[in-house]
PDB file of N, CA and C in Angstrom:
ATOM      1  N   MET A   1     -91.118 -20.041-137.504  1.00  0.00           N
ATOM      2  CA  MET A   1     -91.143 -21.471-137.572  1.00  0.00           C
ATOM      3  C   MET A   1     -90.069 -22.046-136.637  1.00  0.00           C
ATOM      4  N   HIS A   2     -89.156 -21.174-136.284  1.00  0.00           N
ATOM      5  CA  HIS A   2     -88.045 -21.725-135.444  1.00  0.00           C
ATOM      6  C   HIS A   2     -88.288 -21.877-133.960  1.00  0.00           C
ATOM      7  N   ASN A   3     -89.414 -21.273-133.515  1.00  0.00           N
ATOM      8  CA  ASN A   3     -89.780 -21.333-132.166  1.00  0.00           C
ATOM      9  C   ASN A   3     -91.247 -21.863-132.067  1.00  0.00           C
ATOM     10  N   ALA A   4     -91.365 -23.030-131.441  1.00  0.00           N
ATOM     11  CA  ALA A   4     -92.647 -23.689-131.416  1.00  0.00           C
ATOM     12  C   ALA A   4     -93.686 -22.847-130.799  1.00  0.00           C
ATOM     13  N   TYR A   5     -93.280 -22.249-129.622  1.00  0.00           N
ATOM     14  CA  TYR A   5     -94.287 -21.410-128.909  1.00  0.00           C
ATOM     15  C   TYR A   5     -94.766 -20.243-129.721  1.00  0.00           C
ATOM     16  N   LEU A   6     -93.900 -19.514-130.417  1.00  0.00           N
ATOM     17  CA  LEU A   6     -94.251 -18.381-131.165  1.00  0.00           C
ATOM     18  C   LEU A   6     -95.051 -18.866-132.394  1.00  0.00           C
ATOM     19  N   HIS A   7     -94.731 -19.991-132.971  1.00  0.00           N
ATOM     20  CA  HIS A   7     -95.471 -20.466-134.109  1.00  0.00           C
ATOM     21  C   HIS A   7     -96.865 -20.825-133.719  1.00  0.00           C
ATOM     22  N   LYS A   8     -97.022 -21.447-132.506  1.00  0.00           N
ATOM     23  CA  LYS A   8     -98.369 -21.800-132.014  1.00  0.00           C
ATOM     24  C   LYS A   8     -99.166 -20.486-131.712  1.00  0.00           C
ATOM     25  N   ALA A   9     -98.608 -19.482-131.201  1.00  0.00           N
ATOM     26  CA  ALA A   9     -99.198 -18.214-130.893  1.00  0.00           C
ATOM     27  C   ALA A   9     -99.619 -17.561-132.207  1.00  0.00           C
ATOM     28  N   GLN A  10     -98.840 -17.643-133.275  1.00  0.00           N
ATOM     29  CA  GLN A  10     -99.230 -17.032-134.585  1.00  0.00           C
ATOM     30  C   GLN A  10    -100.401 -17.784-135.094  1.00  0.00           C
ATOM     31  N   ARG A  11    -100.432 -19.190-135.044  1.00  0.00           N
ATOM     32  CA  ARG A  11    -101.508 -19.971-135.560  1.00  0.00           C
ATOM     33  C   ARG A  11    -102.797 -19.606-134.776  1.00  0.00           C
ATOM     34  N   SER A  12    -102.702 -19.438-133.437  1.00  0.00           N
ATOM     35  CA  SER A  12    -103.873 -19.067-132.660  1.00  0.00           C
ATOM     36  C   SER A  12    -104.424 -17.643-132.980  1.00  0.00           C
ATOM     37  N   PHE A  13    -103.444 -16.797-133.272  1.00  0.00           N
ATOM     38  CA  PHE A  13    -103.860 -15.360-133.731  1.00  0.00           C
ATOM     39  C   PHE A  13    -104.584 -15.468-135.059  1.00  0.00           C
ATOM     40  N   GLU A  14    -104.076 -16.220-135.926  1.00  0.00           N
ATOM     41  CA  GLU A  14    -104.761 -16.447-137.263  1.00  0.00           C
ATOM     42  C   GLU A  14    -106.170 -16.899-137.053  1.00  0.00           C
ATOM     43  N   GLY A  15    -106.355 -17.787-136.235  1.00  0.00           N
ATOM     44  CA  GLY A  15    -107.747 -18.371-135.845  1.00  0.00           C
ATOM     45  C   GLY A  15    -108.677 -17.261-135.332  1.00  0.00           C
ATOM     46  N   CYS A  16    -108.098 -16.387-134.501  1.00  0.00           N
ATOM     47  CA  CYS A  16    -108.916 -15.294-133.854  1.00  0.00           C
ATOM     48  C   CYS A  16    -109.244 -14.297-134.990  1.00  0.00           C
ATOM     49  N   MET A  17    -108.295 -14.010-135.883  1.00  0.00           N
ATOM     50  CA  MET A  17    -108.556 -13.051-136.962  1.00  0.00           C
ATOM     51  C   MET A  17    -109.564 -13.523-138.005  1.00  0.00           C
ATOM     52  N   ALA A  18    -109.749 -14.833-137.946  1.00  0.00           N
ATOM     53  CA  ALA A  18    -110.771 -15.452-138.951  1.00  0.00           C
ATOM     54  C   ALA A  18    -112.166 -15.298-138.572  1.00  0.00           C
ATOM     55  N   GLN A  19    -112.472 -14.664-137.376  1.00  0.00           N
ATOM     56  CA  GLN A  19    -113.820 -14.561-136.892  1.00  0.00           C
ATOM     57  C   GLN A  19    -114.425 -13.273-137.449  1.00  0.00           C
ATOM     58  N   PRO A  20    -115.486 -13.334-138.286  1.00  0.00           N
ATOM     59  CA  PRO A  20    -116.070 -12.092-138.881  1.00  0.00           C
ATOM     60  C   PRO A  20    -116.626 -11.066-137.816  1.00  0.00           C
ATOM     61  N   ALA A  21    -117.080 -11.691-136.710  1.00  0.00           N
ATOM     62  CA  ALA A  21    -117.770 -10.808-135.763  1.00  0.00           C
ATOM     63  C   ALA A  21    -116.743 -10.232-134.757  1.00  0.00           C
ATOM     64  N   GLY A  22    -115.465 -10.594-134.882  1.00  0.00           N
ATOM     65  CA  GLY A  22    -114.435 -10.241-133.988  1.00  0.00           C
ATOM     66  C   GLY A  22    -113.898  -8.803-134.227  1.00  0.00           C
ATOM     67  N   ALA A  23    -113.081  -8.409-133.239  1.00  0.00           N
ATOM     68  CA  ALA A  23    -112.382  -7.157-133.308  1.00  0.00           C
ATOM     69  C   ALA A  23    -111.026  -7.387-132.669  1.00  0.00           C
ATOM     70  N   VAL A  24    -110.078  -6.476-132.991  1.00  0.00           N
ATOM     71  CA  VAL A  24    -108.772  -6.553-132.330  1.00  0.00           C
ATOM     72  C   VAL A  24    -108.390  -5.147-131.827  1.00  0.00           C
ATOM     73  N   VAL A  25    -107.741  -5.096-130.624  1.00  0.00           N
ATOM     74  CA  VAL A  25    -107.331  -3.875-130.061  1.00  0.00           C
ATOM     75  C   VAL A  25    -105.737  -3.883-130.170  1.00  0.00           C
ATOM     76  N   VAL A  26    -105.207  -2.783-130.830  1.00  0.00           N
ATOM     77  CA  VAL A  26    -103.774  -2.680-130.957  1.00  0.00           C
ATOM     78  C   VAL A  26    -103.373  -1.575-129.975  1.00  0.00           C
ATOM     79  N   TYR A  27    -102.692  -1.951-128.936  1.00  0.00           N
ATOM     80  CA  TYR A  27    -102.425  -0.930-127.831  1.00  0.00           C
ATOM     81  C   TYR A  27    -100.813  -0.906-127.669  1.00  0.00           C
ATOM     82  N   GLY A  28    -100.380   0.340-127.822  1.00  0.00           N
ATOM     83  CA  GLY A  28     -98.928   0.565-127.633  1.00  0.00           C
ATOM     84  C   GLY A  28     -98.102  -0.045-128.717  1.00  0.00           C
ATOM     85  N   HIS A  29     -98.550  -0.038-129.901  1.00  0.00           N
ATOM     86  CA  HIS A  29     -97.798  -0.676-131.027  1.00  0.00           C
ATOM     87  C   HIS A  29     -97.686   0.322-132.171  1.00  0.00           C
ATOM     88  N   SER A  30     -96.556   0.368-132.861  1.00  0.00           N
ATOM     89  CA  SER A  30     -96.396   1.322-133.908  1.00  0.00           C
ATOM     90  C   SER A  30     -96.797   0.830-135.258  1.00  0.00           C
ATOM     91  N   LEU A  31     -97.149  -0.427-135.347  1.00  0.00           N
ATOM     92  CA  LEU A  31     -97.549  -1.052-136.653  1.00  0.00           C
ATOM     93  C   LEU A  31     -96.380  -0.936-137.661  1.00  0.00           C
ATOM     94  N   ALA A  32     -95.192  -1.103-137.228  1.00  0.00           N
ATOM     95  CA  ALA A  32     -93.933  -0.898-137.958  1.00  0.00           C
ATOM     96  C   ALA A  32     -93.730  -1.996-138.919  1.00  0.00           C
ATOM     97  N   GLU A  33     -92.851  -1.775-139.887  1.00  0.00           N
ATOM     98  CA  GLU A  33     -92.474  -2.767-140.895  1.00  0.00           C
ATOM     99  C   GLU A  33     -91.937  -4.102-140.266  1.00  0.00           C
ATOM    100  N   ASN A  34     -91.233  -4.066-139.146  1.00  0.00           N
ATOM    101  CA  ASN A  34     -90.616  -5.250-138.622  1.00  0.00           C
ATOM    102  C   ASN A  34     -91.677  -6.325-138.157  1.00  0.00           C
ATOM    103  N   ASP A  35     -92.929  -5.850-138.072  1.00  0.00           N
ATOM    104  CA  ASP A  35     -94.020  -6.785-137.608  1.00  0.00           C
ATOM    105  C   ASP A  35     -94.973  -7.083-138.729  1.00  0.00           C
ATOM    106  N   GLN A  36     -94.487  -6.965-139.964  1.00  0.00           N
ATOM    107  CA  GLN A  36     -95.412  -7.214-141.170  1.00  0.00           C
ATOM    108  C   GLN A  36     -95.998  -8.595-141.107  1.00  0.00           C
ATOM    109  N   HIS A  37     -95.273  -9.577-140.581  1.00  0.00           N
ATOM    110  CA  HIS A  37     -95.797 -11.000-140.529  1.00  0.00           C
ATOM    111  C   HIS A  37     -97.070 -10.990-139.694  1.00  0.00           C
ATOM    112  N   ILE A  38     -97.160 -10.198-138.654  1.00  0.00           N
ATOM    113  CA  ILE A  38     -98.356 -10.142-137.760  1.00  0.00           C
ATOM    114  C   ILE A  38     -99.415  -9.350-138.433  1.00  0.00           C
ATOM    115  N   LEU A  39     -99.034  -8.145-138.976  1.00  0.00           N
ATOM    116  CA  LEU A  39     -99.977  -7.275-139.613  1.00  0.00           C
ATOM    117  C   LEU A  39    -100.645  -7.873-140.929  1.00  0.00           C
ATOM    118  N   LYS A  40     -99.916  -8.771-141.595  1.00  0.00           N
ATOM    119  CA  LYS A  40    -100.561  -9.376-142.699  1.00  0.00           C
ATOM    120  C   LYS A  40    -101.684 -10.394-142.309  1.00  0.00           C
ATOM    121  N   ILE A  41    -101.495 -10.929-141.105  1.00  0.00           N
ATOM    122  CA  ILE A  41    -102.512 -11.841-140.622  1.00  0.00           C
ATOM    123  C   ILE A  41    -103.799 -11.070-140.388  1.00  0.00           C
ATOM    124  N   ILE A  42    -103.731  -9.810-139.914  1.00  0.00           N
ATOM    125  CA  ILE A  42    -104.847  -8.954-139.735  1.00  0.00           C
ATOM    126  C   ILE A  42    -105.490  -8.664-141.015  1.00  0.00           C
ATOM    127  N   ALA A  43    -104.629  -8.265-142.017  1.00  0.00           N
ATOM    128  CA  ALA A  43    -105.104  -7.952-143.367  1.00  0.00           C
ATOM    129  C   ALA A  43    -105.766  -9.102-144.058  1.00  0.00           C
ATOM    130  N   ARG A  44    -105.300 -10.257-143.813  1.00  0.00           N
ATOM    131  CA  ARG A  44    -105.916 -11.504-144.470  1.00  0.00           C
ATOM    132  C   ARG A  44    -107.140 -11.989-143.709  1.00  0.00           C
ATOM    133  N   GLY A  45    -107.385 -11.496-142.500  1.00  0.00           N
ATOM    134  CA  GLY A  45    -108.393 -11.991-141.715  1.00  0.00           C
ATOM    135  C   GLY A  45    -109.876 -11.517-142.096  1.00  0.00           C
ATOM    136  N   ARG A  46    -110.701 -11.760-141.130  1.00  0.00           N
ATOM    137  CA  ARG A  46    -112.126 -11.362-141.375  1.00  0.00           C
ATOM    138  C   ARG A  46    -112.726 -10.525-140.321  1.00  0.00           C
ATOM    139  N   ILE A  47    -111.952 -10.206-139.241  1.00  0.00           N
ATOM    140  CA  ILE A  47    -112.476  -9.385-138.253  1.00  0.00           C
ATOM    141  C   ILE A  47    -112.960  -7.988-138.780  1.00  0.00           C
ATOM    142  N   GLY A  48    -113.938  -7.445-138.164  1.00  0.00           N
ATOM    143  CA  GLY A  48    -114.494  -6.285-138.698  1.00  0.00           C
ATOM    144  C   GLY A  48    -113.940  -4.991-138.281  1.00  0.00           C
ATOM    145  N   THR A  49    -113.387  -4.980-137.038  1.00  0.00           N
ATOM    146  CA  THR A  49    -112.889  -3.720-136.444  1.00  0.00           C
ATOM    147  C   THR A  49    -111.529  -3.903-135.863  1.00  0.00           C
ATOM    148  N   MET A  50    -110.647  -2.877-136.105  1.00  0.00           N
ATOM    149  CA  MET A  50    -109.323  -2.748-135.480  1.00  0.00           C
ATOM    150  C   MET A  50    -109.292  -1.442-134.661  1.00  0.00           C
ATOM    151  N   PHE A  51    -109.245  -1.524-133.399  1.00  0.00           N
ATOM    152  CA  PHE A  51    -109.134  -0.339-132.524  1.00  0.00           C
ATOM    153  C   PHE A  51    -107.608  -0.121-132.356  1.00  0.00           C
ATOM    154  N   VAL A  52    -107.094   1.094-132.710  1.00  0.00           N
ATOM    155  CA  VAL A  52    -105.728   1.390-132.697  1.00  0.00           C
ATOM    156  C   VAL A  52    -105.550   2.566-131.733  1.00  0.00           C
ATOM    157  N   SER A  53    -104.614   2.285-130.709  1.00  0.00           N
ATOM    158  CA  SER A  53    -104.323   3.305-129.758  1.00  0.00           C
ATOM    159  C   SER A  53    -103.207   4.313-130.313  1.00  0.00           C
ATOM    160  N   ILE A  54    -103.532   5.580-129.989  1.00  0.00           N
ATOM    161  CA  ILE A  54    -102.546   6.635-130.307  1.00  0.00           C
ATOM    162  C   ILE A  54    -102.329   7.370-128.998  1.00  0.00           C
ATOM    163  N   TYR A  55    -101.103   7.857-128.739  1.00  0.00           N
ATOM    164  CA  TYR A  55    -100.762   8.488-127.476  1.00  0.00           C
ATOM    165  C   TYR A  55    -100.491   9.971-127.831  1.00  0.00           C
ATOM    166  N   GLY A  56    -101.151  10.827-127.162  1.00  0.00           N
ATOM    167  CA  GLY A  56    -100.883  12.324-127.247  1.00  0.00           C
ATOM    168  C   GLY A  56    -101.542  12.921-128.540  1.00  0.00           C
ATOM    169  N   ASP A  57    -100.801  13.818-129.099  1.00  0.00           N
ATOM    170  CA  ASP A  57    -101.379  14.621-130.142  1.00  0.00           C
ATOM    171  C   ASP A  57    -101.728  13.682-131.370  1.00  0.00           C
ATOM    172  N   PRO A  58    -102.941  13.626-131.815  1.00  0.00           N
ATOM    173  CA  PRO A  58    -103.245  12.816-132.918  1.00  0.00           C
ATOM    174  C   PRO A  58    -102.603  13.266-134.295  1.00  0.00           C
ATOM    175  N   ASP A  59    -102.144  14.534-134.246  1.00  0.00           N
ATOM    176  CA  ASP A  59    -101.507  15.029-135.427  1.00  0.00           C
ATOM    177  C   ASP A  59     -99.930  14.909-135.459  1.00  0.00           C
ATOM    178  N   SER A  60     -99.397  14.305-134.360  1.00  0.00           N
ATOM    179  CA  SER A  60     -97.961  14.173-134.281  1.00  0.00           C
ATOM    180  C   SER A  60     -97.543  13.239-135.425  1.00  0.00           C
ATOM    181  N   GLY A  61     -96.260  13.347-135.737  1.00  0.00           N
ATOM    182  CA  GLY A  61     -95.700  12.472-136.803  1.00  0.00           C
ATOM    183  C   GLY A  61     -95.831  11.015-136.550  1.00  0.00           C
ATOM    184  N   ASP A  62     -95.484  10.603-135.362  1.00  0.00           N
ATOM    185  CA  ASP A  62     -95.581   9.222-134.966  1.00  0.00           C
ATOM    186  C   ASP A  62     -97.064   8.667-135.075  1.00  0.00           C
ATOM    187  N   ASN A  63     -97.983   9.410-134.613  1.00  0.00           N
ATOM    188  CA  ASN A  63     -99.443   9.008-134.645  1.00  0.00           C
ATOM    189  C   ASN A  63     -99.910   8.962-136.046  1.00  0.00           C
ATOM    190  N   LYS A  64     -99.463   9.861-136.866  1.00  0.00           N
ATOM    191  CA  LYS A  64     -99.880   9.906-138.235  1.00  0.00           C
ATOM    192  C   LYS A  64     -99.347   8.646-138.994  1.00  0.00           C
ATOM    193  N   LYS A  65     -98.146   8.239-138.641  1.00  0.00           N
ATOM    194  CA  LYS A  65     -97.545   7.039-139.226  1.00  0.00           C
ATOM    195  C   LYS A  65     -98.333   5.801-138.850  1.00  0.00           C
ATOM    196  N   ILE A  66     -98.759   5.735-137.560  1.00  0.00           N
ATOM    197  CA  ILE A  66     -99.545   4.606-137.077  1.00  0.00           C
ATOM    198  C   ILE A  66    -100.860   4.563-137.843  1.00  0.00           C
ATOM    199  N   LEU A  67    -101.539   5.645-137.942  1.00  0.00           N
ATOM    200  CA  LEU A  67    -102.824   5.686-138.615  1.00  0.00           C
ATOM    201  C   LEU A  67    -102.705   5.365-140.045  1.00  0.00           C
ATOM    202  N   VAL A  68    -101.694   5.880-140.781  1.00  0.00           N
ATOM    203  CA  VAL A  68    -101.451   5.505-142.180  1.00  0.00           C
ATOM    204  C   VAL A  68    -101.253   4.037-142.290  1.00  0.00           C
ATOM    205  N   ALA A  69    -100.425   3.435-141.416  1.00  0.00           N
ATOM    206  CA  ALA A  69    -100.223   1.987-141.463  1.00  0.00           C
ATOM    207  C   ALA A  69    -101.531   1.206-141.226  1.00  0.00           C
ATOM    208  N   ALA A  70    -102.352   1.679-140.322  1.00  0.00           N
ATOM    209  CA  ALA A  70    -103.642   1.014-140.048  1.00  0.00           C
ATOM    210  C   ALA A  70    -104.529   1.095-141.231  1.00  0.00           C
ATOM    211  N   GLU A  71    -104.585   2.240-141.814  1.00  0.00           N
ATOM    212  CA  GLU A  71    -105.502   2.432-143.034  1.00  0.00           C
ATOM    213  C   GLU A  71    -104.970   1.563-144.154  1.00  0.00           C
ATOM    214  N   ALA A  72    -103.568   1.397-144.195  1.00  0.00           N
ATOM    215  CA  ALA A  72    -102.945   0.591-145.301  1.00  0.00           C
ATOM    216  C   ALA A  72    -103.486  -0.864-145.237  1.00  0.00           C
ATOM    217  N   LEU A  73    -103.610  -1.332-143.850  1.00  0.00           N
ATOM    218  CA  LEU A  73    -104.094  -2.672-143.670  1.00  0.00           C
ATOM    219  C   LEU A  73    -105.528  -2.882-144.071  1.00  0.00           C
ATOM    220  N   ALA A  74    -106.313  -1.863-143.825  1.00  0.00           N
ATOM    221  CA  ALA A  74    -107.722  -1.776-144.297  1.00  0.00           C
ATOM    222  C   ALA A  74    -107.812  -1.772-145.813  1.00  0.00           C
ATOM    223  N   ALA A  75    -106.898  -1.052-146.475  1.00  0.00           N
ATOM    224  CA  ALA A  75    -106.933  -1.027-147.906  1.00  0.00           C
ATOM    225  C   ALA A  75    -106.503  -2.386-148.469  1.00  0.00           C
ATOM    226  N   LEU A  76    -105.463  -2.988-147.885  1.00  0.00           N
ATOM    227  CA  LEU A  76    -105.007  -4.344-148.319  1.00  0.00           C
ATOM    228  C   LEU A  76    -106.156  -5.284-148.149  1.00  0.00           C
ATOM    229  N   ARG A  77    -106.947  -5.239-147.077  1.00  0.00           N
ATOM    230  CA  ARG A  77    -108.090  -6.057-146.834  1.00  0.00           C
ATOM    231  C   ARG A  77    -109.041  -5.864-147.968  1.00  0.00           C
ATOM    232  N   ARG A  78    -109.447  -4.663-148.309  1.00  0.00           N
ATOM    233  CA  ARG A  78    -110.412  -4.381-149.379  1.00  0.00           C
ATOM    234  C   ARG A  78    -109.921  -4.955-150.682  1.00  0.00           C
ATOM    235  N   LYS A  79    -108.612  -4.900-151.031  1.00  0.00           N
ATOM    236  CA  LYS A  79    -108.063  -5.404-152.248  1.00  0.00           C
ATOM    237  C   LYS A  79    -108.126  -6.903-152.282  1.00  0.00           C
ATOM    238  N   ARG A  80    -107.857  -7.594-151.128  1.00  0.00           N
ATOM    239  CA  ARG A  80    -107.837  -9.002-151.073  1.00  0.00           C
ATOM    240  C   ARG A  80    -109.186  -9.704-150.916  1.00  0.00           C
ATOM    241  N   ASN A  81    -110.021  -9.078-150.126  1.00  0.00           N
ATOM    242  CA  ASN A  81    -111.341  -9.663-149.824  1.00  0.00           C
ATOM    243  C   ASN A  81    -112.351  -8.560-149.420  1.00  0.00           C
ATOM    244  N   GLY A  82    -113.012  -8.091-150.342  1.00  0.00           N
ATOM    245  CA  GLY A  82    -113.974  -7.027-150.140  1.00  0.00           C
ATOM    246  C   GLY A  82    -115.145  -7.417-149.277  1.00  0.00           C
ATOM    247  N   ARG A  83    -115.431  -8.733-149.136  1.00  0.00           N
ATOM    248  CA  ARG A  83    -116.519  -9.187-148.369  1.00  0.00           C
ATOM    249  C   ARG A  83    -116.368  -8.857-146.865  1.00  0.00           C
ATOM    250  N   TYR A  84    -115.175  -8.687-146.406  1.00  0.00           N
ATOM    251  CA  TYR A  84    -114.899  -8.504-145.022  1.00  0.00           C
ATOM    252  C   TYR A  84    -114.078  -7.200-144.833  1.00  0.00           C
ATOM    253  N   PRO A  85    -114.753  -6.082-144.804  1.00  0.00           N
ATOM    254  CA  PRO A  85    -113.998  -4.858-144.698  1.00  0.00           C
ATOM    255  C   PRO A  85    -113.517  -4.721-143.267  1.00  0.00           C
ATOM    256  N   LEU A  86    -112.390  -3.993-143.174  1.00  0.00           N
ATOM    257  CA  LEU A  86    -111.760  -3.690-141.912  1.00  0.00           C
ATOM    258  C   LEU A  86    -111.892  -2.213-141.507  1.00  0.00           C
ATOM    259  N   LYS A  87    -112.667  -1.925-140.485  1.00  0.00           N
ATOM    260  CA  LYS A  87    -112.870  -0.548-139.978  1.00  0.00           C
ATOM    261  C   LYS A  87    -111.810  -0.180-138.957  1.00  0.00           C
ATOM    262  N   VAL A  88    -111.068   0.802-139.178  1.00  0.00           N
ATOM    263  CA  VAL A  88    -110.087   1.330-138.303  1.00  0.00           C
ATOM    264  C   VAL A  88    -110.587   2.406-137.325  1.00  0.00           C
ATOM    265  N   VAL A  89    -110.558   2.102-136.066  1.00  0.00           N
ATOM    266  CA  VAL A  89    -111.030   3.051-134.987  1.00  0.00           C
ATOM    267  C   VAL A  89    -109.902   3.549-134.127  1.00  0.00           C
ATOM    268  N   PRO A  90    -109.410   4.729-134.254  1.00  0.00           N
ATOM    269  CA  PRO A  90    -108.362   5.222-133.373  1.00  0.00           C
ATOM    270  C   PRO A  90    -108.911   5.556-132.038  1.00  0.00           C
ATOM    271  N   PHE A  91    -108.113   5.408-130.987  1.00  0.00           N
ATOM    272  CA  PHE A  91    -108.619   5.856-129.673  1.00  0.00           C
ATOM    273  C   PHE A  91    -107.397   6.314-128.824  1.00  0.00           C
ATOM    274  N   ASP A  92    -107.760   7.223-127.922  1.00  0.00           N
ATOM    275  CA  ASP A  92    -106.603   7.787-127.097  1.00  0.00           C
ATOM    276  C   ASP A  92    -106.186   6.694-126.066  1.00  0.00           C
ATOM    277  N   ALA A  93    -104.828   6.389-126.195  1.00  0.00           N
ATOM    278  CA  ALA A  93    -104.234   5.249-125.341  1.00  0.00           C
ATOM    279  C   ALA A  93    -104.424   5.549-123.872  1.00  0.00           C
ATOM    280  N   ALA A  94    -104.391   6.915-123.475  1.00  0.00           N
ATOM    281  CA  ALA A  94    -104.521   7.269-122.090  1.00  0.00           C
ATOM    282  C   ALA A  94    -105.875   6.998-121.535  1.00  0.00           C
ATOM    283  N   SER A  95    -106.938   6.801-122.397  1.00  0.00           N
ATOM    284  CA  SER A  95    -108.238   6.490-121.910  1.00  0.00           C
ATOM    285  C   SER A  95    -108.478   5.090-121.557  1.00  0.00           C
ATOM    286  N   ALA A  96    -107.578   4.187-121.947  1.00  0.00           N
ATOM    287  CA  ALA A  96    -107.827   2.758-121.658  1.00  0.00           C
ATOM    288  C   ALA A  96    -107.551   2.284-120.256  1.00  0.00           C
ATOM    289  N   HIS A  97    -106.721   2.943-119.505  1.00  0.00           N
ATOM    290  CA  HIS A  97    -106.419   2.585-118.112  1.00  0.00           C
ATOM    291  C   HIS A  97    -106.015   1.067-117.993  1.00  0.00           C
ATOM    292  N   VAL A  98    -105.252   0.593-118.924  1.00  0.00           N
ATOM    293  CA  VAL A  98    -104.908  -0.772-118.897  1.00  0.00           C
ATOM    294  C   VAL A  98    -103.987  -1.244-117.700  1.00  0.00           C
ATOM    295  N   TRP A  99    -103.328  -0.352-117.132  1.00  0.00           N
ATOM    296  CA  TRP A  99    -102.400  -0.771-116.033  1.00  0.00           C
ATOM    297  C   TRP A  99    -102.965  -0.377-114.737  1.00  0.00           C
ATOM    298  N   GLY A 100    -104.244  -0.173-114.623  1.00  0.00           N
ATOM    299  CA  GLY A 100    -104.893  -0.040-113.357  1.00  0.00           C
ATOM    300  C   GLY A 100    -105.106   1.407-112.942  1.00  0.00           C
TER     301      GLY A 100
END
């Protein structure tokens, strides 16, 4: 609330997450505790799919933490609003070629 630009961005993100036919791609993010304010918006939303990038070995400790956090968001969504389930789809970050 202290930064008008960030507050506007958060409100815009909330609007995007309210679209039932929508999806969100999480790339290069650990889904860590310090971003719970953003993650809760996803959990409260209606989007149907969250694509989550993982880098390297899917069984590494860091990647397991990311996937556990993503599934926790899906579980929170089921608990809050079962009408709009959240499907978590992990993908290999190296396959995205986002930087050209």
